[in-house]
Amino acid sequence: MDIKSRKYAVIAFITFVVLFLMNYLGNNQPDKLERALMTAVAGVIGLTIGMWFINRNKDDDTKHEFD
């Protein structure tokens, strides 16, 4: 999946919303908004890095065996 596509943007948005709501609704700390935003942004950044690695190696002709 290309990280510049519309499909990726939808998945990143859904990931952000799910992580934000899980952390915002389940937290009783006074700074729950900041914690929820940081966690959701970190999740989307992690998703972007992972998809970048997958997309980067997609056209590689060498096959890597992980046995």
Protein backbone atom coordinates (compact mmCIF):
# COMPACT_ATOMS: atom_id res chain seq x y z
CA MET A 1 0.00 0.00 0.00
CA ASP A 2 1.41 3.35 -1.02
CA ILE A 3 1.51 5.84 1.85
CA LYS A 4 0.49 8.64 -0.50
CA SER A 5 -2.79 6.98 -1.52
CA ARG A 6 -6.30 7.78 -0.40
CA LYS A 7 -6.73 4.24 0.94
CA TYR A 8 -3.81 4.72 3.32
CA ALA A 9 -5.20 8.07 4.50
CA VAL A 10 -8.50 6.39 5.41
CA ILE A 11 -6.71 3.61 7.32
CA ALA A 12 -4.49 6.14 9.12
CA PHE A 13 -7.54 8.19 10.10
CA ILE A 14 -9.36 5.12 11.44
CA THR A 15 -6.23 4.13 13.38
CA PHE A 16 -5.98 7.61 14.86
CA VAL A 17 -9.64 7.67 15.92
CA VAL A 18 -9.54 4.21 17.49
CA LEU A 19 -6.33 4.87 19.43
CA PHE A 20 -7.53 8.30 20.53
CA LEU A 21 -10.88 7.04 21.79
CA MET A 22 -9.36 4.03 23.56
CA ASN A 23 -6.97 6.29 25.46
CA TYR A 24 -9.33 9.21 26.06
CA LEU A 25 -12.30 7.22 27.32
CA GLY A 26 -10.29 4.79 29.42
CA ASN A 27 -8.11 7.32 31.22
CA ASN A 28 -8.88 9.10 34.50
CA GLN A 29 -5.73 11.25 34.62
CA PRO A 30 -6.08 15.05 34.47
CA ASP A 31 -4.00 15.21 31.25
CA LYS A 32 -5.98 12.57 29.38
CA LEU A 33 -6.41 14.70 26.23
CA GLU A 34 -2.67 15.20 25.79
CA ARG A 35 -1.91 11.52 26.46
CA ALA A 36 -4.60 10.38 24.02
CA LEU A 37 -3.35 12.71 21.29
CA MET A 38 0.29 11.66 21.75
CA THR A 39 -0.60 7.97 21.67
CA ALA A 40 -2.80 8.33 18.59
CA VAL A 41 -0.16 10.34 16.71
CA ALA A 42 2.55 7.84 17.68
CA GLY A 43 0.35 5.00 16.40
CA VAL A 44 -0.14 6.69 13.03
CA ILE A 45 3.60 7.44 12.79
CA GLY A 46 4.37 3.79 13.54
CA LEU A 47 1.87 2.69 10.90
CA THR A 48 3.46 5.06 8.37
CA ILE A 49 6.98 3.80 9.06
CA GLY A 50 5.85 0.18 8.80
CA MET A 51 4.01 0.76 5.54
CA TRP A 52 6.99 2.68 4.16
CA PHE A 53 9.26 -0.31 4.82
CA ILE A 54 6.79 -2.71 3.21
CA ASN A 55 6.27 -0.49 0.17
CA ARG A 56 10.00 0.14 -0.20
CA ASN A 57 10.80 -3.58 -0.46
CA LYS A 58 7.79 -4.47 -2.62
CA ASP A 59 9.61 -4.11 -5.98
CA ASP A 60 12.79 -5.83 -4.79
CA ASP A 61 13.69 -8.88 -6.93
CA THR A 62 15.64 -10.64 -4.20
CA LYS A 63 13.58 -12.87 -1.96
CA HIS A 64 14.43 -12.93 1.71
CA GLU A 65 13.74 -16.16 3.57
CA PHE A 66 13.03 -15.81 7.28
CA ASP A 67 13.25 -19.40 8.50
